[in-house]
């Protein structure tokens, strides 16, 4: 039988999990350009390939280049390249 402290912890964890699901904040990921397509740049993100646009003016990215990819306000459909990682 669980104690009151255990029940409180479970309740707090459920509240935290719910708030994280509803979090609408920008997220930025590190990715690598796999190849260039006429629709955009193809990157590997979370085990799957995605076609994303680049919002950096006057830049041409090449396969193998590391970039920052932004997911604005939790909208995965609006992913875009927002920076280049220099190494």
PDB file of N, CA and C in Angstrom:
ATOM      1  N   UNK A   1       0.844  -1.193   0.000  1.00  0.00           N
ATOM      2  CA  UNK A   1       0.000   0.000   0.000  1.00  0.00           C
ATOM      3  C   UNK A   1       0.878   1.241   0.000  1.00  0.00           C
ATOM      4  N   UNK A   2       0.588   2.187  -0.906  1.00  0.00           N
ATOM      5  CA  UNK A   2       1.414   3.376  -1.052  1.00  0.00           C
ATOM      6  C   UNK A   2       1.141   4.408   0.030  1.00  0.00           C
ATOM      7  N   UNK A   3       2.164   5.154   0.325  1.00  0.00           N
ATOM      8  CA  UNK A   3       2.016   6.207   1.320  1.00  0.00           C
ATOM      9  C   UNK A   3       1.466   7.473   0.676  1.00  0.00           C
ATOM     10  N   UNK A   4       1.113   8.409   1.499  1.00  0.00           N
ATOM     11  CA  UNK A   4       0.606   9.696   1.012  1.00  0.00           C
ATOM     12  C   UNK A   4       1.701  10.401   0.208  1.00  0.00           C
ATOM     13  N   UNK A   5       2.944  10.290   0.648  1.00  0.00           N
ATOM     14  CA  UNK A   5       4.064  10.923  -0.067  1.00  0.00           C
ATOM     15  C   UNK A   5       4.188  10.342  -1.470  1.00  0.00           C
ATOM     16  N   UNK A   6       4.040   9.018  -1.599  1.00  0.00           N
ATOM     17  CA  UNK A   6       4.106   8.378  -2.922  1.00  0.00           C
ATOM     18  C   UNK A   6       2.996   8.885  -3.831  1.00  0.00           C
ATOM     19  N   UNK A   7       1.806   9.008  -3.299  1.00  0.00           N
ATOM     20  CA  UNK A   7       0.665   9.500  -4.088  1.00  0.00           C
ATOM     21  C   UNK A   7       0.878  10.949  -4.520  1.00  0.00           C
ATOM     22  N   UNK A   8       1.432  11.767  -3.618  1.00  0.00           N
ATOM     23  CA  UNK A   8       1.724  13.165  -3.965  1.00  0.00           C
ATOM     24  C   UNK A   8       2.765  13.242  -5.081  1.00  0.00           C
ATOM     25  N   UNK A   9       3.783  12.421  -5.003  1.00  0.00           N
ATOM     26  CA  UNK A   9       4.820  12.411  -6.036  1.00  0.00           C
ATOM     27  C   UNK A   9       4.229  11.983  -7.376  1.00  0.00           C
ATOM     28  N   UNK A  10       3.391  10.950  -7.373  1.00  0.00           N
ATOM     29  CA  UNK A  10       2.745  10.501  -8.611  1.00  0.00           C
ATOM     30  C   UNK A  10       1.885  11.608  -9.210  1.00  0.00           C
ATOM     31  N   UNK A  11       1.127  12.299  -8.357  1.00  0.00           N
ATOM     32  CA  UNK A  11       0.263  13.384  -8.824  1.00  0.00           C
ATOM     33  C   UNK A  11       1.089  14.520  -9.413  1.00  0.00           C
ATOM     34  N   UNK A  12       2.170  14.891  -8.741  1.00  0.00           N
ATOM     35  CA  UNK A  12       3.030  15.961  -9.247  1.00  0.00           C
ATOM     36  C   UNK A  12       3.664  15.559 -10.576  1.00  0.00           C
ATOM     37  N   UNK A  13       4.084  14.305 -10.705  1.00  0.00           N
ATOM     38  CA  UNK A  13       4.696  13.843 -11.949  1.00  0.00           C
ATOM     39  C   UNK A  13       3.683  13.897 -13.089  1.00  0.00           C
ATOM     40  N   UNK A  14       2.433  13.525 -12.817  1.00  0.00           N
ATOM     41  CA  UNK A  14       1.393  13.600 -13.853  1.00  0.00           C
ATOM     42  C   UNK A  14       1.178  15.041 -14.300  1.00  0.00           C
ATOM     43  N   UNK A  15       1.190  15.997 -13.361  1.00  0.00           N
ATOM     44  CA  UNK A  15       1.016  17.406 -13.702  1.00  0.00           C
ATOM     45  C   UNK A  15       2.188  17.912 -14.536  1.00  0.00           C
ATOM     46  N   UNK A  16       3.393  17.523 -14.177  1.00  0.00           N
ATOM     47  CA  UNK A  16       4.586  17.932 -14.932  1.00  0.00           C
ATOM     48  C   UNK A  16       4.542  17.362 -16.346  1.00  0.00           C
ATOM     49  N   UNK A  17       4.212  16.072 -16.468  1.00  0.00           N
ATOM     50  CA  UNK A  17       4.135  15.438 -17.785  1.00  0.00           C
ATOM     51  C   UNK A  17       3.105  16.118 -18.669  1.00  0.00           C
ATOM     52  N   UNK A  18       1.961  16.472 -18.110  1.00  0.00           N
ATOM     53  CA  UNK A  18       0.913  17.139 -18.891  1.00  0.00           C
ATOM     54  C   UNK A  18       1.391  18.510 -19.366  1.00  0.00           C
ATOM     55  N   UNK A  19       2.064  19.250 -18.507  1.00  0.00           N
ATOM     56  CA  UNK A  19       2.565  20.566 -18.892  1.00  0.00           C
ATOM     57  C   UNK A  19       3.639  20.459 -19.971  1.00  0.00           C
ATOM     58  N   UNK A  20       4.485  19.445 -19.898  1.00  0.00           N
ATOM     59  CA  UNK A  20       5.515  19.273 -20.917  1.00  0.00           C
ATOM     60  C   UNK A  20       4.910  18.927 -22.268  1.00  0.00           C
ATOM     61  N   UNK A  21       3.833  18.148 -22.279  1.00  0.00           N
ATOM     62  CA  UNK A  21       3.158  17.808 -23.533  1.00  0.00           C
ATOM     63  C   UNK A  21       2.591  19.044 -24.211  1.00  0.00           C
ATOM     64  N   UNK A  22       2.112  19.985 -23.422  1.00  0.00           N
ATOM     65  CA  UNK A  22       1.480  21.189 -23.958  1.00  0.00           C
ATOM     66  C   UNK A  22       2.453  22.336 -24.152  1.00  0.00           C
ATOM     67  N   UNK A  23       3.738  22.095 -23.926  1.00  0.00           N
ATOM     68  CA  UNK A  23       4.741  23.141 -24.056  1.00  0.00           C
ATOM     69  C   UNK A  23       4.889  23.558 -25.519  1.00  0.00           C
ATOM     70  N   UNK A  24       4.689  24.814 -25.787  1.00  0.00           N
ATOM     71  CA  UNK A  24       4.820  25.353 -27.142  1.00  0.00           C
ATOM     72  C   UNK A  24       5.968  26.354 -27.152  1.00  0.00           C
ATOM     73  N   UNK A  25       7.166  25.830 -27.223  1.00  0.00           N
ATOM     74  CA  UNK A  25       8.357  26.674 -27.244  1.00  0.00           C
ATOM     75  C   UNK A  25       9.223  26.284 -28.426  1.00  0.00           C
ATOM     76  N   UNK A  26      10.065  27.207 -28.853  1.00  0.00           N
ATOM     77  CA  UNK A  26      11.018  26.894 -29.917  1.00  0.00           C
ATOM     78  C   UNK A  26      12.018  25.868 -29.400  1.00  0.00           C
ATOM     79  N   UNK A  27      12.371  24.934 -30.276  1.00  0.00           N
ATOM     80  CA  UNK A  27      13.401  23.951 -29.953  1.00  0.00           C
ATOM     81  C   UNK A  27      14.416  23.984 -31.078  1.00  0.00           C
ATOM     82  N   UNK A  28      15.673  23.831 -30.730  1.00  0.00           N
ATOM     83  CA  UNK A  28      16.735  23.850 -31.733  1.00  0.00           C
ATOM     84  C   UNK A  28      17.515  22.550 -31.635  1.00  0.00           C
ATOM     85  N   UNK A  29      17.762  21.952 -32.795  1.00  0.00           N
ATOM     86  CA  UNK A  29      18.455  20.672 -32.882  1.00  0.00           C
ATOM     87  C   UNK A  29      19.726  20.822 -33.709  1.00  0.00           C
ATOM     88  N   UNK A  30      20.694  19.978 -33.422  1.00  0.00           N
ATOM     89  CA  UNK A  30      21.893  19.865 -34.231  1.00  0.00           C
ATOM     90  C   UNK A  30      21.612  18.782 -35.261  1.00  0.00           C
ATOM     91  N   UNK A  31      21.938  19.038 -36.526  1.00  0.00           N
ATOM     92  CA  UNK A  31      21.694  18.065 -37.591  1.00  0.00           C
ATOM     93  C   UNK A  31      22.797  18.171 -38.634  1.00  0.00           C
ATOM     94  N   UNK A  32      22.809  17.217 -39.551  1.00  0.00           N
ATOM     95  CA  UNK A  32      23.780  17.196 -40.638  1.00  0.00           C
ATOM     96  C   UNK A  32      23.012  17.155 -41.949  1.00  0.00           C
ATOM     97  N   UNK A  33      23.447  17.975 -42.905  1.00  0.00           N
ATOM     98  CA  UNK A  33      22.837  17.960 -44.239  1.00  0.00           C
ATOM     99  C   UNK A  33      23.261  16.668 -44.935  1.00  0.00           C
ATOM    100  N   UNK A  34      22.291  15.839 -45.305  1.00  0.00           N
ATOM    101  CA  UNK A  34      22.599  14.591 -46.018  1.00  0.00           C
ATOM    102  C   UNK A  34      22.785  14.847 -47.502  1.00  0.00           C
ATOM    103  N   UNK A  35      21.854  15.595 -48.063  1.00  0.00           N
ATOM    104  CA  UNK A  35      21.952  15.937 -49.483  1.00  0.00           C
ATOM    105  C   UNK A  35      21.059  17.137 -49.767  1.00  0.00           C
ATOM    106  N   UNK A  36      21.262  17.683 -50.958  1.00  0.00           N
ATOM    107  CA  UNK A  36      20.517  18.869 -51.379  1.00  0.00           C
ATOM    108  C   UNK A  36      19.487  18.430 -52.414  1.00  0.00           C
ATOM    109  N   UNK A  37      18.270  18.926 -52.257  1.00  0.00           N
ATOM    110  CA  UNK A  37      17.156  18.613 -53.149  1.00  0.00           C
ATOM    111  C   UNK A  37      16.600  19.934 -53.665  1.00  0.00           C
ATOM    112  N   UNK A  38      15.896  19.911 -54.788  1.00  0.00           N
ATOM    113  CA  UNK A  38      15.331  21.160 -55.308  1.00  0.00           C
ATOM    114  C   UNK A  38      14.270  21.739 -54.374  1.00  0.00           C
ATOM    115  N   UNK A  39      13.723  20.923 -53.461  1.00  0.00           N
ATOM    116  CA  UNK A  39      12.730  21.403 -52.497  1.00  0.00           C
ATOM    117  C   UNK A  39      13.364  21.946 -51.227  1.00  0.00           C
ATOM    118  N   UNK A  40      14.620  21.627 -50.996  1.00  0.00           N
ATOM    119  CA  UNK A  40      15.292  22.084 -49.782  1.00  0.00           C
ATOM    120  C   UNK A  40      16.466  21.182 -49.446  1.00  0.00           C
ATOM    121  N   UNK A  41      16.820  21.178 -48.191  1.00  0.00           N
ATOM    122  CA  UNK A  41      17.937  20.373 -47.708  1.00  0.00           C
ATOM    123  C   UNK A  41      17.387  19.150 -46.984  1.00  0.00           C
ATOM    124  N   UNK A  42      17.973  18.009 -47.247  1.00  0.00           N
ATOM    125  CA  UNK A  42      17.520  16.778 -46.610  1.00  0.00           C
ATOM    126  C   UNK A  42      18.456  16.486 -45.447  1.00  0.00           C
ATOM    127  N   UNK A  43      17.857  16.410 -44.259  1.00  0.00           N
ATOM    128  CA  UNK A  43      18.617  16.153 -43.045  1.00  0.00           C
ATOM    129  C   UNK A  43      18.070  14.903 -42.376  1.00  0.00           C
ATOM    130  N   UNK A  44      18.884  14.308 -41.530  1.00  0.00           N
ATOM    131  CA  UNK A  44      18.450  13.170 -40.735  1.00  0.00           C
ATOM    132  C   UNK A  44      18.139  13.693 -39.344  1.00  0.00           C
ATOM    133  N   UNK A  45      16.888  13.552 -38.933  1.00  0.00           N
ATOM    134  CA  UNK A  45      16.462  14.053 -37.631  1.00  0.00           C
ATOM    135  C   UNK A  45      15.613  12.995 -36.954  1.00  0.00           C
ATOM    136  N   UNK A  46      16.012  12.584 -35.794  1.00  0.00           N
ATOM    137  CA  UNK A  46      15.287  11.567 -35.011  1.00  0.00           C
ATOM    138  C   UNK A  46      15.117  10.273 -35.783  1.00  0.00           C
ATOM    139  N   UNK A  47      16.122   9.881 -36.520  1.00  0.00           N
ATOM    140  CA  UNK A  47      16.087   8.613 -37.226  1.00  0.00           C
ATOM    141  C   UNK A  47      15.362   8.632 -38.556  1.00  0.00           C
ATOM    142  N   UNK A  48      14.826   9.776 -38.969  1.00  0.00           N
ATOM    143  CA  UNK A  48      14.128   9.865 -40.245  1.00  0.00           C
ATOM    144  C   UNK A  48      14.593  11.071 -41.034  1.00  0.00           C
ATOM    145  N   UNK A  49      14.484  10.979 -42.335  1.00  0.00           N
ATOM    146  CA  UNK A  49      14.892  12.108 -43.176  1.00  0.00           C
ATOM    147  C   UNK A  49      13.771  13.116 -43.294  1.00  0.00           C
ATOM    148  N   UNK A  50      14.150  14.385 -43.285  1.00  0.00           N
ATOM    149  CA  UNK A  50      13.201  15.483 -43.436  1.00  0.00           C
ATOM    150  C   UNK A  50      13.746  16.466 -44.461  1.00  0.00           C
ATOM    151  N   UNK A  51      12.857  17.057 -45.237  1.00  0.00           N
ATOM    152  CA  UNK A  51      13.239  18.129 -46.151  1.00  0.00           C
ATOM    153  C   UNK A  51      12.937  19.439 -45.434  1.00  0.00           C
ATOM    154  N   UNK A  52      13.949  20.271 -45.294  1.00  0.00           N
ATOM    155  CA  UNK A  52      13.783  21.550 -44.605  1.00  0.00           C
ATOM    156  C   UNK A  52      14.334  22.679 -45.463  1.00  0.00           C
ATOM    157  N   UNK A  53      13.795  23.849 -45.261  1.00  0.00           N
ATOM    158  CA  UNK A  53      14.260  25.065 -45.927  1.00  0.00           C
ATOM    159  C   UNK A  53      15.337  25.716 -45.069  1.00  0.00           C
ATOM    160  N   UNK A  54      16.108  26.561 -45.684  1.00  0.00           N
ATOM    161  CA  UNK A  54      17.134  27.319 -44.977  1.00  0.00           C
ATOM    162  C   UNK A  54      16.714  28.784 -44.959  1.00  0.00           C
ATOM    163  N   UNK A  55      16.743  29.401 -43.784  1.00  0.00           N
ATOM    164  CA  UNK A  55      16.339  30.807 -43.687  1.00  0.00           C
ATOM    165  C   UNK A  55      17.546  31.751 -43.642  1.00  0.00           C
ATOM    166  N   UNK A  56      18.737  31.235 -43.879  1.00  0.00           N
ATOM    167  CA  UNK A  56      19.935  32.069 -43.890  1.00  0.00           C
ATOM    168  C   UNK A  56      20.123  32.607 -45.307  1.00  0.00           C
ATOM    169  N   UNK A  57      20.094  33.929 -45.485  1.00  0.00           N
ATOM    170  CA  UNK A  57      20.225  34.486 -46.834  1.00  0.00           C
ATOM    171  C   UNK A  57      21.609  34.253 -47.438  1.00  0.00           C
ATOM    172  N   UNK A  58      21.627  34.067 -48.739  1.00  0.00           N
ATOM    173  CA  UNK A  58      22.857  33.961 -49.531  1.00  0.00           C
ATOM    174  C   UNK A  58      23.836  32.904 -49.030  1.00  0.00           C
ATOM    175  N   UNK A  59      23.328  31.742 -48.659  1.00  0.00           N
ATOM    176  CA  UNK A  59      24.207  30.663 -48.227  1.00  0.00           C
ATOM    177  C   UNK A  59      23.847  29.404 -49.006  1.00  0.00           C
ATOM    178  N   UNK A  60      24.861  28.650 -49.338  1.00  0.00           N
ATOM    179  CA  UNK A  60      24.661  27.386 -50.019  1.00  0.00           C
ATOM    180  C   UNK A  60      25.304  26.303 -49.161  1.00  0.00           C
ATOM    181  N   UNK A  61      24.493  25.411 -48.649  1.00  0.00           N
ATOM    182  CA  UNK A  61      24.979  24.351 -47.782  1.00  0.00           C
ATOM    183  C   UNK A  61      25.359  23.130 -48.604  1.00  0.00           C
ATOM    184  N   UNK A  62      26.276  22.358 -48.072  1.00  0.00           N
ATOM    185  CA  UNK A  62      26.768  21.173 -48.770  1.00  0.00           C
ATOM    186  C   UNK A  62      26.518  19.935 -47.914  1.00  0.00           C
ATOM    187  N   UNK A  63      26.409  18.771 -48.545  1.00  0.00           N
ATOM    188  CA  UNK A  63      26.260  17.528 -47.782  1.00  0.00           C
ATOM    189  C   UNK A  63      27.416  17.359 -46.789  1.00  0.00           C
ATOM    190  N   UNK A  64      27.076  16.879 -45.609  1.00  0.00           N
ATOM    191  CA  UNK A  64      28.055  16.693 -44.552  1.00  0.00           C
ATOM    192  C   UNK A  64      28.196  17.880 -43.628  1.00  0.00           C
ATOM    193  N   UNK A  65      27.610  19.010 -43.989  1.00  0.00           N
ATOM    194  CA  UNK A  65      27.727  20.221 -43.187  1.00  0.00           C
ATOM    195  C   UNK A  65      26.791  20.138 -41.975  1.00  0.00           C
ATOM    196  N   UNK A  66      27.303  20.531 -40.816  1.00  0.00           N
ATOM    197  CA  UNK A  66      26.494  20.541 -39.596  1.00  0.00           C
ATOM    198  C   UNK A  66      25.742  21.855 -39.491  1.00  0.00           C
ATOM    199  N   UNK A  67      24.469  21.753 -39.111  1.00  0.00           N
ATOM    200  CA  UNK A  67      23.612  22.937 -39.032  1.00  0.00           C
ATOM    201  C   UNK A  67      22.759  22.883 -37.771  1.00  0.00           C
ATOM    202  N   UNK A  68      22.202  24.042 -37.432  1.00  0.00           N
ATOM    203  CA  UNK A  68      21.185  24.140 -36.389  1.00  0.00           C
ATOM    204  C   UNK A  68      19.831  24.179 -37.081  1.00  0.00           C
ATOM    205  N   UNK A  69      18.905  23.365 -36.597  1.00  0.00           N
ATOM    206  CA  UNK A  69      17.556  23.307 -37.157  1.00  0.00           C
ATOM    207  C   UNK A  69      16.577  23.723 -36.063  1.00  0.00           C
ATOM    208  N   UNK A  70      15.720  24.683 -36.381  1.00  0.00           N
ATOM    209  CA  UNK A  70      14.760  25.183 -35.392  1.00  0.00           C
ATOM    210  C   UNK A  70      13.364  24.656 -35.665  1.00  0.00           C
ATOM    211  N   UNK A  71      12.689  24.264 -34.585  1.00  0.00           N
ATOM    212  CA  UNK A  71      11.287  23.857 -34.605  1.00  0.00           C
ATOM    213  C   UNK A  71      10.515  24.954 -33.864  1.00  0.00           C
ATOM    214  N   UNK A  72       9.876  25.878 -34.594  1.00  0.00           N
ATOM    215  CA  UNK A  72       9.217  26.995 -33.925  1.00  0.00           C
ATOM    216  C   UNK A  72       7.898  26.602 -33.263  1.00  0.00           C
ATOM    217  N   UNK A  73       7.781  26.964 -32.021  1.00  0.00           N
ATOM    218  CA  UNK A  73       6.563  26.781 -31.231  1.00  0.00           C
ATOM    219  C   UNK A  73       6.009  25.362 -31.291  1.00  0.00           C
ATOM    220  N   UNK A  74       6.902  24.388 -31.330  1.00  0.00           N
ATOM    221  CA  UNK A  74       6.492  22.995 -31.329  1.00  0.00           C
ATOM    222  C   UNK A  74       5.886  22.514 -32.635  1.00  0.00           C
ATOM    223  N   UNK A  75       5.977  23.321 -33.698  1.00  0.00           N
ATOM    224  CA  UNK A  75       5.390  22.948 -34.989  1.00  0.00           C
ATOM    225  C   UNK A  75       6.453  22.278 -35.853  1.00  0.00           C
ATOM    226  N   UNK A  76       6.412  20.957 -35.893  1.00  0.00           N
ATOM    227  CA  UNK A  76       7.407  20.165 -36.611  1.00  0.00           C
ATOM    228  C   UNK A  76       7.348  20.407 -38.120  1.00  0.00           C
ATOM    229  N   UNK A  77       6.210  20.880 -38.626  1.00  0.00           N
ATOM    230  CA  UNK A  77       6.065  21.145 -40.063  1.00  0.00           C
ATOM    231  C   UNK A  77       6.797  22.406 -40.507  1.00  0.00           C
ATOM    232  N   UNK A  78       7.157  23.274 -39.579  1.00  0.00           N
ATOM    233  CA  UNK A  78       7.856  24.516 -39.912  1.00  0.00           C
ATOM    234  C   UNK A  78       9.347  24.460 -39.602  1.00  0.00           C
ATOM    235  N   UNK A  79       9.911  23.251 -39.537  1.00  0.00           N
ATOM    236  CA  UNK A  79      11.348  23.137 -39.301  1.00  0.00           C
ATOM    237  C   UNK A  79      12.115  23.926 -40.350  1.00  0.00           C
ATOM    238  N   UNK A  80      13.191  24.579 -39.931  1.00  0.00           N
ATOM    239  CA  UNK A  80      14.030  25.290 -40.871  1.00  0.00           C
ATOM    240  C   UNK A  80      15.450  25.389 -40.311  1.00  0.00           C
ATOM    241  N   UNK A  81      16.399  25.520 -41.227  1.00  0.00           N
ATOM    242  CA  UNK A  81      17.796  25.677 -40.842  1.00  0.00           C
ATOM    243  C   UNK A  81      18.001  27.129 -40.453  1.00  0.00           C
ATOM    244  N   UNK A  82      18.530  27.330 -39.235  1.00  0.00           N
ATOM    245  CA  UNK A  82      18.685  28.697 -38.735  1.00  0.00           C
ATOM    246  C   UNK A  82      20.135  29.068 -38.452  1.00  0.00           C
ATOM    247  N   UNK A  83      21.044  28.125 -38.608  1.00  0.00           N
ATOM    248  CA  UNK A  83      22.446  28.426 -38.344  1.00  0.00           C
ATOM    249  C   UNK A  83      23.356  27.332 -38.852  1.00  0.00           C
ATOM    250  N   UNK A  84      24.629  27.675 -38.989  1.00  0.00           N
ATOM    251  CA  UNK A  84      25.645  26.730 -39.436  1.00  0.00           C
ATOM    252  C   UNK A  84      26.629  26.535 -38.295  1.00  0.00           C
ATOM    253  N   UNK A  85      27.004  25.281 -38.073  1.00  0.00           N
ATOM    254  CA  UNK A  85      27.964  24.956 -37.013  1.00  0.00           C
ATOM    255  C   UNK A  85      29.339  24.892 -37.661  1.00  0.00           C
ATOM    256  N   UNK A  86      30.222  25.784 -37.248  1.00  0.00           N
ATOM    257  CA  UNK A  86      31.583  25.805 -37.792  1.00  0.00           C
ATOM    258  C   UNK A  86      32.478  24.950 -36.943  1.00  0.00           C
ATOM    259  N   UNK A  87      33.184  24.058 -37.577  1.00  0.00           N
ATOM    260  CA  UNK A  87      34.147  23.213 -36.869  1.00  0.00           C
ATOM    261  C   UNK A  87      35.431  23.163 -37.629  1.00  0.00           C
TER     262      UNK A  87
END
